[in-house]
Amino acid sequence: MGETSGGLSEQIVYRVATATNSDVTELPPLHDSIDPNALETTVEGMSGGAISFRYAGHEVTVAQDGTISLEEQPTSSFTAELAP
């Protein structure tokens, strides 16, 4: 699942830290954007599609196979959506 070892939440935080040239300790807690346990449970239970949410200035999309993609976004609002 994903490019780094560790859980899905850890992978997301490290990917955003790399994209922003930040240390992981400089990023806001992931749980301020999404419940990490619910995210992992949702992704594990998906048979297709993806889930997207905003975190630390990025739209994070996690596909059902665990692939993580990032797109830089303004941080002014929070959205979470399921893509078919």
PDB file of N, CA and C in Angstrom:
ATOM      1  N   MET A   1       0.845  -1.180   0.000  1.00  0.00           N
ATOM      2  CA  MET A   1       0.000   0.000   0.000  1.00  0.00           C
ATOM      3  C   MET A   1       0.887   1.238   0.000  1.00  0.00           C
ATOM      4  N   GLY A   2       0.780   2.115  -0.970  1.00  0.00           N
ATOM      5  CA  GLY A   2       1.534   3.362  -0.996  1.00  0.00           C
ATOM      6  C   GLY A   2       3.012   3.148  -1.216  1.00  0.00           C
ATOM      7  N   GLU A   3       3.784   4.225  -1.076  1.00  0.00           N
ATOM      8  CA  GLU A   3       5.206   4.173  -1.399  1.00  0.00           C
ATOM      9  C   GLU A   3       6.108   3.985  -0.197  1.00  0.00           C
ATOM     10  N   THR A   4       5.627   4.256   1.015  1.00  0.00           N
ATOM     11  CA  THR A   4       6.469   4.124   2.182  1.00  0.00           C
ATOM     12  C   THR A   4       5.887   3.072   3.098  1.00  0.00           C
ATOM     13  N   SER A   5       6.717   2.573   4.031  1.00  0.00           N
ATOM     14  CA  SER A   5       6.193   1.618   4.990  1.00  0.00           C
ATOM     15  C   SER A   5       5.419   2.383   6.058  1.00  0.00           C
ATOM     16  N   GLY A   6       4.694   1.656   6.883  1.00  0.00           N
ATOM     17  CA  GLY A   6       3.897   2.286   7.923  1.00  0.00           C
ATOM     18  C   GLY A   6       2.442   2.300   7.533  1.00  0.00           C
ATOM     19  N   GLY A   7       1.607   2.732   8.463  1.00  0.00           N
ATOM     20  CA  GLY A   7       0.183   2.784   8.209  1.00  0.00           C
ATOM     21  C   GLY A   7      -0.178   3.879   7.222  1.00  0.00           C
ATOM     22  N   LEU A   8      -1.411   3.829   6.791  1.00  0.00           N
ATOM     23  CA  LEU A   8      -1.909   4.793   5.813  1.00  0.00           C
ATOM     24  C   LEU A   8      -1.749   6.227   6.313  1.00  0.00           C
ATOM     25  N   SER A   9      -2.101   6.477   7.556  1.00  0.00           N
ATOM     26  CA  SER A   9      -1.992   7.831   8.112  1.00  0.00           C
ATOM     27  C   SER A   9      -0.543   8.329   8.092  1.00  0.00           C
ATOM     28  N   GLU A  10       0.365   7.460   8.487  1.00  0.00           N
ATOM     29  CA  GLU A  10       1.790   7.808   8.486  1.00  0.00           C
ATOM     30  C   GLU A  10       2.264   8.103   7.068  1.00  0.00           C
ATOM     31  N   GLN A  11       1.838   7.303   6.118  1.00  0.00           N
ATOM     32  CA  GLN A  11       2.225   7.523   4.723  1.00  0.00           C
ATOM     33  C   GLN A  11       1.738   8.886   4.230  1.00  0.00           C
ATOM     34  N   ILE A  12       0.511   9.237   4.579  1.00  0.00           N
ATOM     35  CA  ILE A  12      -0.045  10.524   4.155  1.00  0.00           C
ATOM     36  C   ILE A  12       0.764  11.666   4.739  1.00  0.00           C
ATOM     37  N   VAL A  13       1.040  11.620   6.025  1.00  0.00           N
ATOM     38  CA  VAL A  13       1.789  12.693   6.683  1.00  0.00           C
ATOM     39  C   VAL A  13       3.184  12.827   6.062  1.00  0.00           C
ATOM     40  N   TYR A  14       3.858  11.724   5.827  1.00  0.00           N
ATOM     41  CA  TYR A  14       5.197  11.785   5.223  1.00  0.00           C
ATOM     42  C   TYR A  14       5.148  12.304   3.791  1.00  0.00           C
ATOM     43  N   ARG A  15       4.147  11.920   3.035  1.00  0.00           N
ATOM     44  CA  ARG A  15       4.016  12.422   1.651  1.00  0.00           C
ATOM     45  C   ARG A  15       3.800  13.933   1.643  1.00  0.00           C
ATOM     46  N   VAL A  16       2.922  14.441   2.531  1.00  0.00           N
ATOM     47  CA  VAL A  16       2.670  15.883   2.587  1.00  0.00           C
ATOM     48  C   VAL A  16       3.912  16.610   3.092  1.00  0.00           C
ATOM     49  N   ALA A  17       4.607  16.055   4.068  1.00  0.00           N
ATOM     50  CA  ALA A  17       5.838  16.670   4.559  1.00  0.00           C
ATOM     51  C   ALA A  17       6.866  16.785   3.437  1.00  0.00           C
ATOM     52  N   THR A  18       6.997  15.747   2.643  1.00  0.00           N
ATOM     53  CA  THR A  18       7.926  15.775   1.513  1.00  0.00           C
ATOM     54  C   THR A  18       7.497  16.821   0.491  1.00  0.00           C
ATOM     55  N   ALA A  19       6.212  16.868   0.187  1.00  0.00           N
ATOM     56  CA  ALA A  19       5.700  17.817  -0.813  1.00  0.00           C
ATOM     57  C   ALA A  19       5.850  19.262  -0.373  1.00  0.00           C
ATOM     58  N   THR A  20       5.796  19.504   0.933  1.00  0.00           N
ATOM     59  CA  THR A  20       5.887  20.875   1.452  1.00  0.00           C
ATOM     60  C   THR A  20       7.275  21.215   1.971  1.00  0.00           C
ATOM     61  N   ASN A  21       8.216  20.293   1.823  1.00  0.00           N
ATOM     62  CA  ASN A  21       9.562  20.508   2.326  1.00  0.00           C
ATOM     63  C   ASN A  21       9.551  20.817   3.822  1.00  0.00           C
ATOM     64  N   SER A  22       8.719  20.094   4.546  1.00  0.00           N
ATOM     65  CA  SER A  22       8.540  20.310   5.981  1.00  0.00           C
ATOM     66  C   SER A  22       8.929  19.059   6.742  1.00  0.00           C
ATOM     67  N   ASP A  23       9.173  19.243   8.023  1.00  0.00           N
ATOM     68  CA  ASP A  23       9.328  18.113   8.919  1.00  0.00           C
ATOM     69  C   ASP A  23       7.927  17.681   9.329  1.00  0.00           C
ATOM     70  N   VAL A  24       7.709  16.410   9.564  1.00  0.00           N
ATOM     71  CA  VAL A  24       6.373  15.935   9.942  1.00  0.00           C
ATOM     72  C   VAL A  24       5.871  16.617  11.209  1.00  0.00           C
ATOM     73  N   THR A  25       6.786  17.024  12.088  1.00  0.00           N
ATOM     74  CA  THR A  25       6.375  17.686  13.328  1.00  0.00           C
ATOM     75  C   THR A  25       5.872  19.105  13.092  1.00  0.00           C
ATOM     76  N   GLU A  26       6.134  19.664  11.911  1.00  0.00           N
ATOM     77  CA  GLU A  26       5.658  21.010  11.585  1.00  0.00           C
ATOM     78  C   GLU A  26       4.243  21.005  11.014  1.00  0.00           C
ATOM     79  N   LEU A  27       3.737  19.836  10.638  1.00  0.00           N
ATOM     80  CA  LEU A  27       2.402  19.728  10.055  1.00  0.00           C
ATOM     81  C   LEU A  27       1.343  19.650  11.148  1.00  0.00           C
ATOM     82  N   PRO A  28       0.124  20.077  10.837  1.00  0.00           N
ATOM     83  CA  PRO A  28      -0.953  19.925  11.815  1.00  0.00           C
ATOM     84  C   PRO A  28      -1.282  18.440  11.984  1.00  0.00           C
ATOM     85  N   PRO A  29      -1.875  18.084  13.112  1.00  0.00           N
ATOM     86  CA  PRO A  29      -2.260  16.679  13.293  1.00  0.00           C
ATOM     87  C   PRO A  29      -3.252  16.250  12.207  1.00  0.00           C
ATOM     88  N   LEU A  30      -3.062  15.067  11.672  1.00  0.00           N
ATOM     89  CA  LEU A  30      -3.945  14.566  10.627  1.00  0.00           C
ATOM     90  C   LEU A  30      -5.384  14.497  11.120  1.00  0.00           C
ATOM     91  N   HIS A  31      -5.568  14.160  12.392  1.00  0.00           N
ATOM     92  CA  HIS A  31      -6.926  14.025  12.924  1.00  0.00           C
ATOM     93  C   HIS A  31      -7.690  15.343  12.970  1.00  0.00           C
ATOM     94  N   ASP A  32      -7.007  16.474  12.743  1.00  0.00           N
ATOM     95  CA  ASP A  32      -7.709  17.755  12.617  1.00  0.00           C
ATOM     96  C   ASP A  32      -8.453  17.834  11.277  1.00  0.00           C
ATOM     97  N   SER A  33      -8.060  17.005  10.318  1.00  0.00           N
ATOM     98  CA  SER A  33      -8.684  17.001   8.998  1.00  0.00           C
ATOM     99  C   SER A  33      -9.611  15.810   8.784  1.00  0.00           C
ATOM    100  N   ILE A  34      -9.218  14.664   9.308  1.00  0.00           N
ATOM    101  CA  ILE A  34      -9.995  13.438   9.100  1.00  0.00           C
ATOM    102  C   ILE A  34      -9.642  12.447  10.205  1.00  0.00           C
ATOM    103  N   ASP A  35     -10.588  11.607  10.557  1.00  0.00           N
ATOM    104  CA  ASP A  35     -10.339  10.576  11.557  1.00  0.00           C
ATOM    105  C   ASP A  35      -9.476   9.488  10.907  1.00  0.00           C
ATOM    106  N   PRO A  36      -8.227   9.350  11.338  1.00  0.00           N
ATOM    107  CA  PRO A  36      -7.334   8.375  10.701  1.00  0.00           C
ATOM    108  C   PRO A  36      -7.851   6.932  10.751  1.00  0.00           C
ATOM    109  N   ASN A  37      -8.479   6.540  11.856  1.00  0.00           N
ATOM    110  CA  ASN A  37      -9.009   5.175  11.963  1.00  0.00           C
ATOM    111  C   ASN A  37     -10.163   4.967  10.997  1.00  0.00           C
ATOM    112  N   ALA A  38     -11.051   5.952  10.905  1.00  0.00           N
ATOM    113  CA  ALA A  38     -12.178   5.853   9.974  1.00  0.00           C
ATOM    114  C   ALA A  38     -11.681   5.828   8.528  1.00  0.00           C
ATOM    115  N   LEU A  39     -10.648   6.614   8.239  1.00  0.00           N
ATOM    116  CA  LEU A  39     -10.078   6.629   6.893  1.00  0.00           C
ATOM    117  C   LEU A  39      -9.550   5.249   6.530  1.00  0.00           C
ATOM    118  N   GLU A  40      -8.763   4.667   7.414  1.00  0.00           N
ATOM    119  CA  GLU A  40      -8.183   3.345   7.146  1.00  0.00           C
ATOM    120  C   GLU A  40      -9.283   2.298   6.968  1.00  0.00           C
ATOM    121  N   THR A  41     -10.282   2.316   7.836  1.00  0.00           N
ATOM    122  CA  THR A  41     -11.389   1.369   7.752  1.00  0.00           C
ATOM    123  C   THR A  41     -12.153   1.541   6.444  1.00  0.00           C
ATOM    124  N   THR A  42     -12.395   2.796   6.059  1.00  0.00           N
ATOM    125  CA  THR A  42     -13.129   3.076   4.823  1.00  0.00           C
ATOM    126  C   THR A  42     -12.358   2.579   3.613  1.00  0.00           C
ATOM    127  N   VAL A  43     -11.062   2.897   3.555  1.00  0.00           N
ATOM    128  CA  VAL A  43     -10.242   2.484   2.410  1.00  0.00           C
ATOM    129  C   VAL A  43     -10.164   0.962   2.334  1.00  0.00           C
ATOM    130  N   GLU A  44      -9.989   0.303   3.471  1.00  0.00           N
ATOM    131  CA  GLU A  44      -9.910  -1.159   3.477  1.00  0.00           C
ATOM    132  C   GLU A  44     -11.205  -1.796   2.994  1.00  0.00           C
ATOM    133  N   GLY A  45     -12.343  -1.134   3.242  1.00  0.00           N
ATOM    134  CA  GLY A  45     -13.629  -1.688   2.871  1.00  0.00           C
ATOM    135  C   GLY A  45     -14.111  -1.307   1.478  1.00  0.00           C
ATOM    136  N   MET A  46     -13.384  -0.429   0.780  1.00  0.00           N
ATOM    137  CA  MET A  46     -13.818   0.013  -0.543  1.00  0.00           C
ATOM    138  C   MET A  46     -13.537  -1.065  -1.589  1.00  0.00           C
ATOM    139  N   SER A  47     -14.459  -1.202  -2.529  1.00  0.00           N
ATOM    140  CA  SER A  47     -14.239  -2.137  -3.629  1.00  0.00           C
ATOM    141  C   SER A  47     -13.880  -1.391  -4.912  1.00  0.00           C
ATOM    142  N   GLY A  48     -13.775  -0.092  -4.821  1.00  0.00           N
ATOM    143  CA  GLY A  48     -13.405   0.756  -5.946  1.00  0.00           C
ATOM    144  C   GLY A  48     -13.491   2.203  -5.522  1.00  0.00           C
ATOM    145  N   GLY A  49     -13.085   3.095  -6.396  1.00  0.00           N
ATOM    146  CA  GLY A  49     -13.183   4.520  -6.111  1.00  0.00           C
ATOM    147  C   GLY A  49     -12.048   5.039  -5.258  1.00  0.00           C
ATOM    148  N   ALA A  50     -12.298   6.182  -4.625  1.00  0.00           N
ATOM    149  CA  ALA A  50     -11.280   6.855  -3.825  1.00  0.00           C
ATOM    150  C   ALA A  50     -11.969   7.764  -2.820  1.00  0.00           C
ATOM    151  N   ILE A  51     -11.221   8.195  -1.836  1.00  0.00           N
ATOM    152  CA  ILE A  51     -11.700   9.174  -0.870  1.00  0.00           C
ATOM    153  C   ILE A  51     -10.728  10.346  -0.890  1.00  0.00           C
ATOM    154  N   SER A  52     -11.264  11.557  -0.869  1.00  0.00           N
ATOM    155  CA  SER A  52     -10.444  12.767  -0.906  1.00  0.00           C
ATOM    156  C   SER A  52     -10.781  13.654   0.274  1.00  0.00           C
ATOM    157  N   PHE A  53      -9.760  14.339   0.786  1.00  0.00           N
ATOM    158  CA  PHE A  53      -9.946  15.294   1.877  1.00  0.00           C
ATOM    159  C   PHE A  53      -8.789  16.290   1.830  1.00  0.00           C
ATOM    160  N   ARG A  54      -8.963  17.408   2.513  1.00  0.00           N
ATOM    161  CA  ARG A  54      -7.902  18.417   2.557  1.00  0.00           C
ATOM    162  C   ARG A  54      -7.089  18.266   3.832  1.00  0.00           C
ATOM    163  N   TYR A  55      -5.778  18.402   3.647  1.00  0.00           N
ATOM    164  CA  TYR A  55      -4.863  18.319   4.783  1.00  0.00           C
ATOM    165  C   TYR A  55      -3.633  19.145   4.469  1.00  0.00           C
ATOM    166  N   ALA A  56      -3.332  20.074   5.346  1.00  0.00           N
ATOM    167  CA  ALA A  56      -2.107  20.882   5.270  1.00  0.00           C
ATOM    168  C   ALA A  56      -1.901  21.510   3.892  1.00  0.00           C
ATOM    169  N   GLY A  57      -2.967  22.081   3.364  1.00  0.00           N
ATOM    170  CA  GLY A  57      -2.853  22.789   2.091  1.00  0.00           C
ATOM    171  C   GLY A  57      -2.871  21.914   0.853  1.00  0.00           C
ATOM    172  N   HIS A  58      -3.253  20.663   1.013  1.00  0.00           N
ATOM    173  CA  HIS A  58      -3.302  19.722  -0.107  1.00  0.00           C
ATOM    174  C   HIS A  58      -4.616  18.966  -0.119  1.00  0.00           C
ATOM    175  N   GLU A  59      -5.075  18.648  -1.311  1.00  0.00           N
ATOM    176  CA  GLU A  59      -6.155  17.687  -1.429  1.00  0.00           C
ATOM    177  C   GLU A  59      -5.479  16.332  -1.521  1.00  0.00           C
ATOM    178  N   VAL A  60      -5.781  15.495  -0.558  1.00  0.00           N
ATOM    179  CA  VAL A  60      -5.224  14.150  -0.489  1.00  0.00           C
ATOM    180  C   VAL A  60      -6.280  13.192  -1.018  1.00  0.00           C
ATOM    181  N   THR A  61      -5.905  12.357  -1.959  1.00  0.00           N
ATOM    182  CA  THR A  61      -6.815  11.352  -2.490  1.00  0.00           C
ATOM    183  C   THR A  61      -6.193   9.987  -2.252  1.00  0.00           C
ATOM    184  N   VAL A  62      -6.976   9.106  -1.648  1.00  0.00           N
ATOM    185  CA  VAL A  62      -6.526   7.742  -1.387  1.00  0.00           C
ATOM    186  C   VAL A  62      -7.441   6.806  -2.165  1.00  0.00           C
ATOM    187  N   ALA A  63      -6.847   6.077  -3.085  1.00  0.00           N
ATOM    188  CA  ALA A  63      -7.597   5.109  -3.894  1.00  0.00           C
ATOM    189  C   ALA A  63      -7.812   3.831  -3.096  1.00  0.00           C
ATOM    190  N   GLN A  64      -8.729   3.017  -3.562  1.00  0.00           N
ATOM    191  CA  GLN A  64      -9.049   1.780  -2.859  1.00  0.00           C
ATOM    192  C   GLN A  64      -7.863   0.852  -2.757  1.00  0.00           C
ATOM    193  N   ASP A  65      -6.888   0.973  -3.619  1.00  0.00           N
ATOM    194  CA  ASP A  65      -5.694   0.127  -3.534  1.00  0.00           C
ATOM    195  C   ASP A  65      -4.614   0.726  -2.635  1.00  0.00           C
ATOM    196  N   GLY A  66      -4.923   1.871  -1.990  1.00  0.00           N
ATOM    197  CA  GLY A  66      -3.980   2.501  -1.075  1.00  0.00           C
ATOM    198  C   GLY A  66      -3.071   3.530  -1.721  1.00  0.00           C
ATOM    199  N   THR A  67      -3.199   3.738  -3.028  1.00  0.00           N
ATOM    200  CA  THR A  67      -2.395   4.746  -3.709  1.00  0.00           C
ATOM    201  C   THR A  67      -2.791   6.124  -3.202  1.00  0.00           C
ATOM    202  N   ILE A  68      -1.797   6.928  -2.884  1.00  0.00           N
ATOM    203  CA  ILE A  68      -2.013   8.274  -2.346  1.00  0.00           C
ATOM    204  C   ILE A  68      -1.559   9.292  -3.372  1.00  0.00           C
ATOM    205  N   SER A  69      -2.419  10.265  -3.680  1.00  0.00           N
ATOM    206  CA  SER A  69      -2.009  11.358  -4.556  1.00  0.00           C
ATOM    207  C   SER A  69      -2.318  12.680  -3.865  1.00  0.00           C
ATOM    208  N   LEU A  70      -1.529  13.679  -4.185  1.00  0.00           N
ATOM    209  CA  LEU A  70      -1.648  14.999  -3.573  1.00  0.00           C
ATOM    210  C   LEU A  70      -1.819  16.057  -4.639  1.00  0.00           C
ATOM    211  N   GLU A  71      -2.632  17.064  -4.327  1.00  0.00           N
ATOM    212  CA  GLU A  71      -2.764  18.234  -5.182  1.00  0.00           C
ATOM    213  C   GLU A  71      -2.788  19.449  -4.265  1.00  0.00           C
ATOM    214  N   GLU A  72      -1.884  20.401  -4.500  1.00  0.00           N
ATOM    215  CA  GLU A  72      -1.822  21.589  -3.654  1.00  0.00           C
ATOM    216  C   GLU A  72      -3.126  22.368  -3.750  1.00  0.00           C
ATOM    217  N   GLN A  73      -3.670  22.769  -2.587  1.00  0.00           N
ATOM    218  CA  GLN A  73      -4.942  23.470  -2.500  1.00  0.00           C
ATOM    219  C   GLN A  73      -4.854  24.540  -1.420  1.00  0.00           C
ATOM    220  N   PRO A  74      -5.703  25.557  -1.508  1.00  0.00           N
ATOM    221  CA  PRO A  74      -5.803  26.491  -0.380  1.00  0.00           C
ATOM    222  C   PRO A  74      -6.357  25.744   0.830  1.00  0.00           C
ATOM    223  N   THR A  75      -5.995  26.168   2.018  1.00  0.00           N
ATOM    224  CA  THR A  75      -6.410  25.472   3.234  1.00  0.00           C
ATOM    225  C   THR A  75      -7.635  26.106   3.882  1.00  0.00           C
ATOM    226  N   SER A  76      -8.345  26.982   3.198  1.00  0.00           N
ATOM    227  CA  SER A  76      -9.419  27.743   3.817  1.00  0.00           C
ATOM    228  C   SER A  76     -10.660  26.931   4.151  1.00  0.00           C
ATOM    229  N   SER A  77     -10.854  25.766   3.532  1.00  0.00           N
ATOM    230  CA  SER A  77     -12.061  24.991   3.838  1.00  0.00           C
ATOM    231  C   SER A  77     -11.742  23.517   3.852  1.00  0.00           C
ATOM    232  N   PHE A  78     -12.614  22.753   4.485  1.00  0.00           N
ATOM    233  CA  PHE A  78     -12.457  21.322   4.615  1.00  0.00           C
ATOM    234  C   PHE A  78     -13.525  20.632   3.794  1.00  0.00           C
ATOM    235  N   THR A  79     -13.120  19.662   2.984  1.00  0.00           N
ATOM    236  CA  THR A  79     -14.096  18.840   2.286  1.00  0.00           C
ATOM    237  C   THR A  79     -13.644  17.398   2.340  1.00  0.00           C
ATOM    238  N   ALA A  80     -14.599  16.535   2.443  1.00  0.00           N
ATOM    239  CA  ALA A  80     -14.336  15.099   2.340  1.00  0.00           C
ATOM    240  C   ALA A  80     -15.388  14.546   1.402  1.00  0.00           C
ATOM    241  N   GLU A  81     -14.958  13.733   0.483  1.00  0.00           N
ATOM    242  CA  GLU A  81     -15.919  13.172  -0.455  1.00  0.00           C
ATOM    243  C   GLU A  81     -15.479  11.792  -0.882  1.00  0.00           C
ATOM    244  N   LEU A  82     -16.433  10.992  -1.245  1.00  0.00           N
ATOM    245  CA  LEU A  82     -16.163   9.673  -1.800  1.00  0.00           C
ATOM    246  C   LEU A  82     -16.362   9.735  -3.287  1.00  0.00           C
ATOM    247  N   ALA A  83     -15.406   9.251  -4.021  1.00  0.00           N
ATOM    248  CA  ALA A  83     -15.521   9.220  -5.489  1.00  0.00           C
ATOM    249  C   ALA A  83     -15.935   7.809  -5.900  1.00  0.00           C
ATOM    250  N   PRO A  84     -16.869   7.697  -6.822  1.00  0.00           N
ATOM    251  CA  PRO A  84     -17.304   6.350  -7.260  1.00  0.00           C
ATOM    252  C   PRO A  84     -16.205   5.628  -8.013  1.00  0.00           C
TER     253      PRO A  84
END
